[in-house]
Amino acid sequence: MSITDLITQDIRLVLLRALAEDPGYSMNDSVLQQLLAMFGHTISRDRVRTELRWLEEQQLVSNSEIATVLVAKLTARGADVASGAARVDGVKRPGPR
């Protein structure tokens, strides 16, 4: 596994965990980009959208586009992956809390 793969897997886990902590299980791509930067992942908004679309393909989030903003909402499967109850290749497994 390459360092790029490790970073991508961590970005995806951070996105899922951020959504899991929101009361509505939902955030827009701009806020998620800022949260990723807080966790050491300074990436473009386009990259955030790419990862959100990948997560949607895996049925971990559902995305909706509102004007110029992409809004992601965590699915039940995504919550399971965020907590470590389920595993998906391409998403880092969370450590024990």
PDB file of N, CA and C in Angstrom:
ATOM      1  N   MET A   1       0.849  -1.179   0.000  1.00  0.00           N
ATOM      2  CA  MET A   1       0.000   0.000   0.000  1.00  0.00           C
ATOM      3  C   MET A   1       0.896   1.243   0.000  1.00  0.00           C
ATOM      4  N   SER A   2       0.517   2.212  -0.806  1.00  0.00           N
ATOM      5  CA  SER A   2       1.315   3.434  -0.922  1.00  0.00           C
ATOM      6  C   SER A   2       0.875   4.467   0.111  1.00  0.00           C
ATOM      7  N   ILE A   3       1.698   5.482   0.296  1.00  0.00           N
ATOM      8  CA  ILE A   3       1.344   6.575   1.220  1.00  0.00           C
ATOM      9  C   ILE A   3       0.112   7.306   0.720  1.00  0.00           C
ATOM     10  N   THR A   4      -0.026   7.412  -0.609  1.00  0.00           N
ATOM     11  CA  THR A   4      -1.216   8.053  -1.188  1.00  0.00           C
ATOM     12  C   THR A   4      -2.476   7.281  -0.813  1.00  0.00           C
ATOM     13  N   ASP A   5      -2.417   5.954  -0.864  1.00  0.00           N
ATOM     14  CA  ASP A   5      -3.562   5.127  -0.477  1.00  0.00           C
ATOM     15  C   ASP A   5      -3.902   5.318   1.003  1.00  0.00           C
ATOM     16  N   LEU A   6      -2.884   5.351   1.848  1.00  0.00           N
ATOM     17  CA  LEU A   6      -3.113   5.550   3.286  1.00  0.00           C
ATOM     18  C   LEU A   6      -3.780   6.885   3.564  1.00  0.00           C
ATOM     19  N   ILE A   7      -3.308   7.934   2.891  1.00  0.00           N
ATOM     20  CA  ILE A   7      -3.886   9.268   3.091  1.00  0.00           C
ATOM     21  C   ILE A   7      -5.331   9.301   2.607  1.00  0.00           C
ATOM     22  N   THR A   8      -5.589   8.719   1.451  1.00  0.00           N
ATOM     23  CA  THR A   8      -6.954   8.688   0.910  1.00  0.00           C
ATOM     24  C   THR A   8      -7.897   7.945   1.850  1.00  0.00           C
ATOM     25  N   GLN A   9      -7.463   6.816   2.376  1.00  0.00           N
ATOM     26  CA  GLN A   9      -8.294   6.061   3.310  1.00  0.00           C
ATOM     27  C   GLN A   9      -8.592   6.869   4.573  1.00  0.00           C
ATOM     28  N   ASP A  10      -7.595   7.613   5.055  1.00  0.00           N
ATOM     29  CA  ASP A  10      -7.804   8.431   6.241  1.00  0.00           C
ATOM     30  C   ASP A  10      -8.754   9.584   5.954  1.00  0.00           C
ATOM     31  N   ILE A  11      -8.617  10.217   4.793  1.00  0.00           N
ATOM     32  CA  ILE A  11      -9.535  11.302   4.410  1.00  0.00           C
ATOM     33  C   ILE A  11     -10.972  10.787   4.431  1.00  0.00           C
ATOM     34  N   ARG A  12     -11.202   9.629   3.872  1.00  0.00           N
ATOM     35  CA  ARG A  12     -12.553   9.060   3.825  1.00  0.00           C
ATOM     36  C   ARG A  12     -13.096   8.771   5.222  1.00  0.00           C
ATOM     37  N   LEU A  13     -12.245   8.262   6.102  1.00  0.00           N
ATOM     38  CA  LEU A  13     -12.679   8.011   7.479  1.00  0.00           C
ATOM     39  C   LEU A  13     -13.002   9.321   8.192  1.00  0.00           C
ATOM     40  N   VAL A  14     -12.169  10.332   8.016  1.00  0.00           N
ATOM     41  CA  VAL A  14     -12.438  11.634   8.646  1.00  0.00           C
ATOM     42  C   VAL A  14     -13.775  12.191   8.162  1.00  0.00           C
ATOM     43  N   LEU A  15     -14.056  12.080   6.868  1.00  0.00           N
ATOM     44  CA  LEU A  15     -15.340  12.550   6.348  1.00  0.00           C
ATOM     45  C   LEU A  15     -16.503  11.818   7.012  1.00  0.00           C
ATOM     46  N   LEU A  16     -16.419  10.502   7.106  1.00  0.00           N
ATOM     47  CA  LEU A  16     -17.496   9.728   7.728  1.00  0.00           C
ATOM     48  C   LEU A  16     -17.662  10.069   9.205  1.00  0.00           C
ATOM     49  N   ARG A  17     -16.561  10.201   9.906  1.00  0.00           N
ATOM     50  CA  ARG A  17     -16.649  10.508  11.342  1.00  0.00           C
ATOM     51  C   ARG A  17     -17.195  11.905  11.590  1.00  0.00           C
ATOM     52  N   ALA A  18     -16.832  12.849  10.717  1.00  0.00           N
ATOM     53  CA  ALA A  18     -17.367  14.210  10.848  1.00  0.00           C
ATOM     54  C   ALA A  18     -18.880  14.193  10.670  1.00  0.00           C
ATOM     55  N   LEU A  19     -19.351  13.488   9.660  1.00  0.00           N
ATOM     56  CA  LEU A  19     -20.793  13.391   9.438  1.00  0.00           C
ATOM     57  C   LEU A  19     -21.487  12.679  10.593  1.00  0.00           C
ATOM     58  N   ALA A  20     -20.842  11.677  11.159  1.00  0.00           N
ATOM     59  CA  ALA A  20     -21.426  10.929  12.278  1.00  0.00           C
ATOM     60  C   ALA A  20     -21.591  11.802  13.520  1.00  0.00           C
ATOM     61  N   GLU A  21     -20.742  12.803  13.669  1.00  0.00           N
ATOM     62  CA  GLU A  21     -20.809  13.672  14.852  1.00  0.00           C
ATOM     63  C   GLU A  21     -21.797  14.827  14.702  1.00  0.00           C
ATOM     64  N   ASP A  22     -22.253  15.080  13.485  1.00  0.00           N
ATOM     65  CA  ASP A  22     -23.209  16.166  13.264  1.00  0.00           C
ATOM     66  C   ASP A  22     -24.601  15.714  13.687  1.00  0.00           C
ATOM     67  N   PRO A  23     -25.368  16.563  14.382  1.00  0.00           N
ATOM     68  CA  PRO A  23     -26.716  16.165  14.827  1.00  0.00           C
ATOM     69  C   PRO A  23     -27.632  15.709  13.685  1.00  0.00           C
ATOM     70  N   GLY A  24     -27.472  16.288  12.495  1.00  0.00           N
ATOM     71  CA  GLY A  24     -28.298  15.896  11.358  1.00  0.00           C
ATOM     72  C   GLY A  24     -27.605  14.932  10.420  1.00  0.00           C
ATOM     73  N   TYR A  25     -26.396  14.475  10.807  1.00  0.00           N
ATOM     74  CA  TYR A  25     -25.586  13.559  10.000  1.00  0.00           C
ATOM     75  C   TYR A  25     -25.332  14.102   8.598  1.00  0.00           C
ATOM     76  N   SER A  26     -25.232  15.423   8.485  1.00  0.00           N
ATOM     77  CA  SER A  26     -25.127  16.045   7.177  1.00  0.00           C
ATOM     78  C   SER A  26     -24.269  17.308   7.242  1.00  0.00           C
ATOM     79  N   MET A  27     -23.433  17.515   6.209  1.00  0.00           N
ATOM     80  CA  MET A  27     -22.614  18.727   6.093  1.00  0.00           C
ATOM     81  C   MET A  27     -22.351  19.000   4.624  1.00  0.00           C
ATOM     82  N   ASN A  28     -22.006  20.263   4.330  1.00  0.00           N
ATOM     83  CA  ASN A  28     -21.668  20.583   2.946  1.00  0.00           C
ATOM     84  C   ASN A  28     -20.168  20.463   2.711  1.00  0.00           C
ATOM     85  N   ASP A  29     -19.805  20.426   1.444  1.00  0.00           N
ATOM     86  CA  ASP A  29     -18.411  20.199   1.068  1.00  0.00           C
ATOM     87  C   ASP A  29     -17.460  21.285   1.566  1.00  0.00           C
ATOM     88  N   SER A  30     -17.942  22.507   1.696  1.00  0.00           N
ATOM     89  CA  SER A  30     -17.094  23.594   2.179  1.00  0.00           C
ATOM     90  C   SER A  30     -16.713  23.394   3.647  1.00  0.00           C
ATOM     91  N   VAL A  31     -17.694  23.051   4.463  1.00  0.00           N
ATOM     92  CA  VAL A  31     -17.429  22.792   5.888  1.00  0.00           C
ATOM     93  C   VAL A  31     -16.542  21.561   6.045  1.00  0.00           C
ATOM     94  N   LEU A  32     -16.813  20.531   5.269  1.00  0.00           N
ATOM     95  CA  LEU A  32     -15.993  19.317   5.345  1.00  0.00           C
ATOM     96  C   LEU A  32     -14.548  19.596   4.941  1.00  0.00           C
ATOM     97  N   GLN A  33     -14.345  20.458   3.967  1.00  0.00           N
ATOM     98  CA  GLN A  33     -12.984  20.828   3.568  1.00  0.00           C
ATOM     99  C   GLN A  33     -12.248  21.487   4.741  1.00  0.00           C
ATOM    100  N   GLN A  34     -12.922  22.361   5.465  1.00  0.00           N
ATOM    101  CA  GLN A  34     -12.319  23.020   6.626  1.00  0.00           C
ATOM    102  C   GLN A  34     -12.014  22.026   7.737  1.00  0.00           C
ATOM    103  N   LEU A  35     -12.916  21.086   7.964  1.00  0.00           N
ATOM    104  CA  LEU A  35     -12.685  20.065   8.995  1.00  0.00           C
ATOM    105  C   LEU A  35     -11.503  19.169   8.633  1.00  0.00           C
ATOM    106  N   LEU A  36     -11.405  18.792   7.377  1.00  0.00           N
ATOM    107  CA  LEU A  36     -10.267  17.980   6.942  1.00  0.00           C
ATOM    108  C   LEU A  36      -8.954  18.715   7.200  1.00  0.00           C
ATOM    109  N   ALA A  37      -8.917  20.021   6.949  1.00  0.00           N
ATOM    110  CA  ALA A  37      -7.698  20.803   7.200  1.00  0.00           C
ATOM    111  C   ALA A  37      -7.333  20.768   8.683  1.00  0.00           C
ATOM    112  N   MET A  38      -8.329  20.770   9.547  1.00  0.00           N
ATOM    113  CA  MET A  38      -8.062  20.692  10.993  1.00  0.00           C
ATOM    114  C   MET A  38      -7.398  19.371  11.361  1.00  0.00           C
ATOM    115  N   PHE A  39      -7.639  18.320  10.563  1.00  0.00           N
ATOM    116  CA  PHE A  39      -7.060  17.007  10.820  1.00  0.00           C
ATOM    117  C   PHE A  39      -5.842  16.729   9.942  1.00  0.00           C
ATOM    118  N   GLY A  40      -5.276  17.805   9.374  1.00  0.00           N
ATOM    119  CA  GLY A  40      -4.026  17.673   8.637  1.00  0.00           C
ATOM    120  C   GLY A  40      -4.160  17.332   7.171  1.00  0.00           C
ATOM    121  N   HIS A  41      -5.360  17.409   6.635  1.00  0.00           N
ATOM    122  CA  HIS A  41      -5.577  17.100   5.226  1.00  0.00           C
ATOM    123  C   HIS A  41      -6.005  18.369   4.482  1.00  0.00           C
ATOM    124  N   THR A  42      -5.049  19.122   4.005  1.00  0.00           N
ATOM    125  CA  THR A  42      -5.342  20.332   3.251  1.00  0.00           C
ATOM    126  C   THR A  42      -5.505  19.936   1.787  1.00  0.00           C
ATOM    127  N   ILE A  43      -6.759  19.793   1.374  1.00  0.00           N
ATOM    128  CA  ILE A  43      -7.057  19.344   0.013  1.00  0.00           C
ATOM    129  C   ILE A  43      -8.051  20.312  -0.629  1.00  0.00           C
ATOM    130  N   SER A  44      -8.141  20.251  -1.950  1.00  0.00           N
ATOM    131  CA  SER A  44      -9.047  21.133  -2.683  1.00  0.00           C
ATOM    132  C   SER A  44     -10.502  20.712  -2.472  1.00  0.00           C
ATOM    133  N   ARG A  45     -11.385  21.659  -2.730  1.00  0.00           N
ATOM    134  CA  ARG A  45     -12.805  21.356  -2.624  1.00  0.00           C
ATOM    135  C   ARG A  45     -13.201  20.322  -3.677  1.00  0.00           C
ATOM    136  N   ASP A  46     -12.561  20.381  -4.841  1.00  0.00           N
ATOM    137  CA  ASP A  46     -12.810  19.391  -5.874  1.00  0.00           C
ATOM    138  C   ASP A  46     -12.461  17.985  -5.377  1.00  0.00           C
ATOM    139  N   ARG A  47     -11.366  17.868  -4.642  1.00  0.00           N
ATOM    140  CA  ARG A  47     -10.969  16.564  -4.086  1.00  0.00           C
ATOM    141  C   ARG A  47     -11.979  16.098  -3.038  1.00  0.00           C
ATOM    142  N   VAL A  48     -12.479  17.042  -2.225  1.00  0.00           N
ATOM    143  CA  VAL A  48     -13.508  16.684  -1.243  1.00  0.00           C
ATOM    144  C   VAL A  48     -14.718  16.106  -1.965  1.00  0.00           C
ATOM    145  N   ARG A  49     -15.131  16.758  -3.032  1.00  0.00           N
ATOM    146  CA  ARG A  49     -16.281  16.290  -3.809  1.00  0.00           C
ATOM    147  C   ARG A  49     -16.018  14.918  -4.424  1.00  0.00           C
ATOM    148  N   THR A  50     -14.803  14.712  -4.914  1.00  0.00           N
ATOM    149  CA  THR A  50     -14.436  13.411  -5.485  1.00  0.00           C
ATOM    150  C   THR A  50     -14.574  12.316  -4.436  1.00  0.00           C
ATOM    151  N   GLU A  51     -14.079  12.574  -3.224  1.00  0.00           N
ATOM    152  CA  GLU A  51     -14.161  11.571  -2.154  1.00  0.00           C
ATOM    153  C   GLU A  51     -15.609  11.353  -1.718  1.00  0.00           C
ATOM    154  N   LEU A  52     -16.404  12.407  -1.669  1.00  0.00           N
ATOM    155  CA  LEU A  52     -17.815  12.255  -1.307  1.00  0.00           C
ATOM    156  C   LEU A  52     -18.561  11.429  -2.351  1.00  0.00           C
ATOM    157  N   ARG A  53     -18.214  11.619  -3.602  1.00  0.00           N
ATOM    158  CA  ARG A  53     -18.859  10.823  -4.659  1.00  0.00           C
ATOM    159  C   ARG A  53     -18.437   9.358  -4.565  1.00  0.00           C
ATOM    160  N   TRP A  54     -17.172   9.110  -4.204  1.00  0.00           N
ATOM    161  CA  TRP A  54     -16.712   7.730  -4.013  1.00  0.00           C
ATOM    162  C   TRP A  54     -17.469   7.095  -2.841  1.00  0.00           C
ATOM    163  N   LEU A  55     -17.601   7.845  -1.760  1.00  0.00           N
ATOM    164  CA  LEU A  55     -18.329   7.332  -0.600  1.00  0.00           C
ATOM    165  C   LEU A  55     -19.786   7.040  -0.949  1.00  0.00           C
ATOM    166  N   GLU A  56     -20.361   7.849  -1.838  1.00  0.00           N
ATOM    167  CA  GLU A  56     -21.737   7.590  -2.269  1.00  0.00           C
ATOM    168  C   GLU A  56     -21.814   6.305  -3.089  1.00  0.00           C
ATOM    169  N   GLU A  57     -20.828   6.064  -3.947  1.00  0.00           N
ATOM    170  CA  GLU A  57     -20.798   4.824  -4.723  1.00  0.00           C
ATOM    171  C   GLU A  57     -20.753   3.599  -3.815  1.00  0.00           C
ATOM    172  N   GLN A  58     -20.145   3.752  -2.653  1.00  0.00           N
ATOM    173  CA  GLN A  58     -20.052   2.645  -1.683  1.00  0.00           C
ATOM    174  C   GLN A  58     -21.271   2.593  -0.765  1.00  0.00           C
ATOM    175  N   GLN A  59     -22.227   3.493  -0.989  1.00  0.00           N
ATOM    176  CA  GLN A  59     -23.462   3.597  -0.200  1.00  0.00           C
ATOM    177  C   GLN A  59     -23.202   3.980   1.255  1.00  0.00           C
ATOM    178  N   LEU A  60     -22.163   4.785   1.468  1.00  0.00           N
ATOM    179  CA  LEU A  60     -21.827   5.253   2.817  1.00  0.00           C
ATOM    180  C   LEU A  60     -22.390   6.638   3.083  1.00  0.00           C
ATOM    181  N   VAL A  61     -22.628   7.404   2.037  1.00  0.00           N
ATOM    182  CA  VAL A  61     -23.275   8.710   2.132  1.00  0.00           C
ATOM    183  C   VAL A  61     -24.239   8.846   0.963  1.00  0.00           C
ATOM    184  N   SER A  62     -25.154   9.783   1.105  1.00  0.00           N
ATOM    185  CA  SER A  62     -25.973  10.203  -0.047  1.00  0.00           C
ATOM    186  C   SER A  62     -25.669  11.680  -0.254  1.00  0.00           C
ATOM    187  N   ASN A  63     -25.497  12.072  -1.498  1.00  0.00           N
ATOM    188  CA  ASN A  63     -25.137  13.446  -1.828  1.00  0.00           C
ATOM    189  C   ASN A  63     -26.272  14.132  -2.559  1.00  0.00           C
ATOM    190  N   SER A  64     -26.416  15.420  -2.282  1.00  0.00           N
ATOM    191  CA  SER A  64     -27.352  16.235  -3.047  1.00  0.00           C
ATOM    192  C   SER A  64     -26.678  17.564  -3.345  1.00  0.00           C
ATOM    193  N   GLU A  65     -26.902  18.041  -4.556  1.00  0.00           N
ATOM    194  CA  GLU A  65     -26.291  19.295  -4.972  1.00  0.00           C
ATOM    195  C   GLU A  65     -27.334  20.398  -4.827  1.00  0.00           C
ATOM    196  N   ILE A  66     -26.978  21.422  -4.070  1.00  0.00           N
ATOM    197  CA  ILE A  66     -27.853  22.566  -3.862  1.00  0.00           C
ATOM    198  C   ILE A  66     -27.076  23.798  -4.309  1.00  0.00           C
ATOM    199  N   ALA A  67     -27.515  24.369  -5.417  1.00  0.00           N
ATOM    200  CA  ALA A  67     -26.808  25.496  -6.047  1.00  0.00           C
ATOM    201  C   ALA A  67     -25.376  25.067  -6.341  1.00  0.00           C
ATOM    202  N   THR A  68     -24.392  25.689  -5.691  1.00  0.00           N
ATOM    203  CA  THR A  68     -22.989  25.353  -5.953  1.00  0.00           C
ATOM    204  C   THR A  68     -22.381  24.499  -4.848  1.00  0.00           C
ATOM    205  N   VAL A  69     -23.213  23.981  -3.972  1.00  0.00           N
ATOM    206  CA  VAL A  69     -22.731  23.246  -2.800  1.00  0.00           C
ATOM    207  C   VAL A  69     -23.159  21.780  -2.892  1.00  0.00           C
ATOM    208  N   LEU A  70     -22.248  20.884  -2.532  1.00  0.00           N
ATOM    209  CA  LEU A  70     -22.567  19.459  -2.442  1.00  0.00           C
ATOM    210  C   LEU A  70     -22.793  19.132  -0.960  1.00  0.00           C
ATOM    211  N   VAL A  71     -23.961  18.614  -0.657  1.00  0.00           N
ATOM    212  CA  VAL A  71     -24.311  18.270   0.722  1.00  0.00           C
ATOM    213  C   VAL A  71     -24.304  16.754   0.858  1.00  0.00           C
ATOM    214  N   ALA A  72     -23.530  16.266   1.820  1.00  0.00           N
ATOM    215  CA  ALA A  72     -23.427  14.829   2.071  1.00  0.00           C
ATOM    216  C   ALA A  72     -24.203  14.479   3.333  1.00  0.00           C
ATOM    217  N   LYS A  73     -24.905  13.360   3.285  1.00  0.00           N
ATOM    218  CA  LYS A  73     -25.636  12.845   4.450  1.00  0.00           C
ATOM    219  C   LYS A  73     -25.206  11.400   4.675  1.00  0.00           C
ATOM    220  N   LEU A  74     -24.859  11.104   5.902  1.00  0.00           N
ATOM    221  CA  LEU A  74     -24.398   9.770   6.280  1.00  0.00           C
ATOM    222  C   LEU A  74     -25.533   8.765   6.182  1.00  0.00           C
ATOM    223  N   THR A  75     -25.226   7.587   5.661  1.00  0.00           N
ATOM    224  CA  THR A  75     -26.205   6.491   5.640  1.00  0.00           C
ATOM    225  C   THR A  75     -25.963   5.611   6.873  1.00  0.00           C
ATOM    226  N   ALA A  76     -26.876   4.687   7.103  1.00  0.00           N
ATOM    227  CA  ALA A  76     -26.701   3.752   8.222  1.00  0.00           C
ATOM    228  C   ALA A  76     -25.431   2.924   8.022  1.00  0.00           C
ATOM    229  N   ARG A  77     -25.187   2.514   6.789  1.00  0.00           N
ATOM    230  CA  ARG A  77     -23.962   1.750   6.490  1.00  0.00           C
ATOM    231  C   ARG A  77     -22.731   2.613   6.751  1.00  0.00           C
ATOM    232  N   GLY A  78     -22.796   3.877   6.385  1.00  0.00           N
ATOM    233  CA  GLY A  78     -21.688   4.786   6.633  1.00  0.00           C
ATOM    234  C   GLY A  78     -21.419   4.968   8.117  1.00  0.00           C
ATOM    235  N   ALA A  79     -22.474   5.009   8.910  1.00  0.00           N
ATOM    236  CA  ALA A  79     -22.318   5.125  10.365  1.00  0.00           C
ATOM    237  C   ALA A  79     -21.629   3.889  10.924  1.00  0.00           C
ATOM    238  N   ASP A  80     -21.979   2.729  10.389  1.00  0.00           N
ATOM    239  CA  ASP A  80     -21.330   1.489  10.833  1.00  0.00           C
ATOM    240  C   ASP A  80     -19.838   1.502  10.506  1.00  0.00           C
ATOM    241  N   VAL A  81     -19.482   2.001   9.334  1.00  0.00           N
ATOM    242  CA  VAL A  81     -18.071   2.072   8.946  1.00  0.00           C
ATOM    243  C   VAL A  81     -17.339   3.107   9.801  1.00  0.00           C
ATOM    244  N   ALA A  82     -17.972   4.240  10.054  1.00  0.00           N
ATOM    245  CA  ALA A  82     -17.355   5.290  10.872  1.00  0.00           C
ATOM    246  C   ALA A  82     -17.054   4.800  12.284  1.00  0.00           C
ATOM    247  N   SER A  83     -17.913   3.942  12.814  1.00  0.00           N
ATOM    248  CA  SER A  83     -17.732   3.447  14.182  1.00  0.00           C
ATOM    249  C   SER A  83     -16.843   2.208  14.254  1.00  0.00           C
ATOM    250  N   GLY A  84     -16.573   1.606  13.104  1.00  0.00           N
ATOM    251  CA  GLY A  84     -15.763   0.390  13.090  1.00  0.00           C
ATOM    252  C   GLY A  84     -16.577  -0.885  13.145  1.00  0.00           C
ATOM    253  N   ALA A  85     -17.910  -0.763  13.164  1.00  0.00           N
ATOM    254  CA  ALA A  85     -18.765  -1.948  13.210  1.00  0.00           C
ATOM    255  C   ALA A  85     -18.791  -2.687  11.875  1.00  0.00           C
ATOM    256  N   ALA A  86     -18.481  -1.970  10.798  1.00  0.00           N
ATOM    257  CA  ALA A  86     -18.409  -2.578   9.466  1.00  0.00           C
ATOM    258  C   ALA A  86     -17.126  -2.105   8.800  1.00  0.00           C
ATOM    259  N   ARG A  87     -16.732  -2.825   7.791  1.00  0.00           N
ATOM    260  CA  ARG A  87     -15.466  -2.530   7.106  1.00  0.00           C
ATOM    261  C   ARG A  87     -15.710  -2.404   5.605  1.00  0.00           C
ATOM    262  N   VAL A  88     -15.071  -1.403   4.983  1.00  0.00           N
ATOM    263  CA  VAL A  88     -15.137  -1.203   3.533  1.00  0.00           C
ATOM    264  C   VAL A  88     -13.725  -0.963   3.043  1.00  0.00           C
ATOM    265  N   ASP A  89     -13.287  -1.741   2.064  1.00  0.00           N
ATOM    266  CA  ASP A  89     -11.983  -1.513   1.470  1.00  0.00           C
ATOM    267  C   ASP A  89     -11.932  -0.103   0.899  1.00  0.00           C
ATOM    268  N   GLY A  90     -10.851   0.607   1.199  1.00  0.00           N
ATOM    269  CA  GLY A  90     -10.696   1.973   0.720  1.00  0.00           C
ATOM    270  C   GLY A  90     -10.984   3.003   1.798  1.00  0.00           C
ATOM    271  N   VAL A  91     -11.481   2.554   2.956  1.00  0.00           N
ATOM    272  CA  VAL A  91     -11.710   3.445   4.094  1.00  0.00           C
ATOM    273  C   VAL A  91     -10.915   2.919   5.271  1.00  0.00           C
ATOM    274  N   LYS A  92     -10.131   3.783   5.891  1.00  0.00           N
ATOM    275  CA  LYS A  92      -9.332   3.381   7.049  1.00  0.00           C
ATOM    276  C   LYS A  92     -10.250   2.893   8.168  1.00  0.00           C
ATOM    277  N   ARG A  93      -9.844   1.855   8.812  1.00  0.00           N
ATOM    278  CA  ARG A  93     -10.593   1.356   9.960  1.00  0.00           C
ATOM    279  C   ARG A  93     -10.255   2.209  11.173  1.00  0.00           C
ATOM    280  N   PRO A  94     -11.266   2.680  11.911  1.00  0.00           N
ATOM    281  CA  PRO A  94     -10.957   3.510  13.088  1.00  0.00           C
ATOM    282  C   PRO A  94     -10.308   2.681  14.181  1.00  0.00           C
ATOM    283  N   GLY A  95      -9.461   3.337  14.948  1.00  0.00           N
ATOM    284  CA  GLY A  95      -8.851   2.679  16.095  1.00  0.00           C
ATOM    285  C   GLY A  95      -9.830   2.646  17.250  1.00  0.00           C
ATOM    286  N   PRO A  96      -9.531   1.864  18.271  1.00  0.00           N
ATOM    287  CA  PRO A  96     -10.424   1.826  19.436  1.00  0.00           C
ATOM    288  C   PRO A  96     -10.431   3.171  20.143  1.00  0.00           C
ATOM    289  N   ARG A  97     -11.553   3.510  20.674  1.00  0.00           N
ATOM    290  CA  ARG A  97     -11.683   4.815  21.369  1.00  0.00           C
ATOM    291  C   ARG A  97     -11.364   4.678  22.818  1.00  0.00           C
TER     292      ARG A  97
END
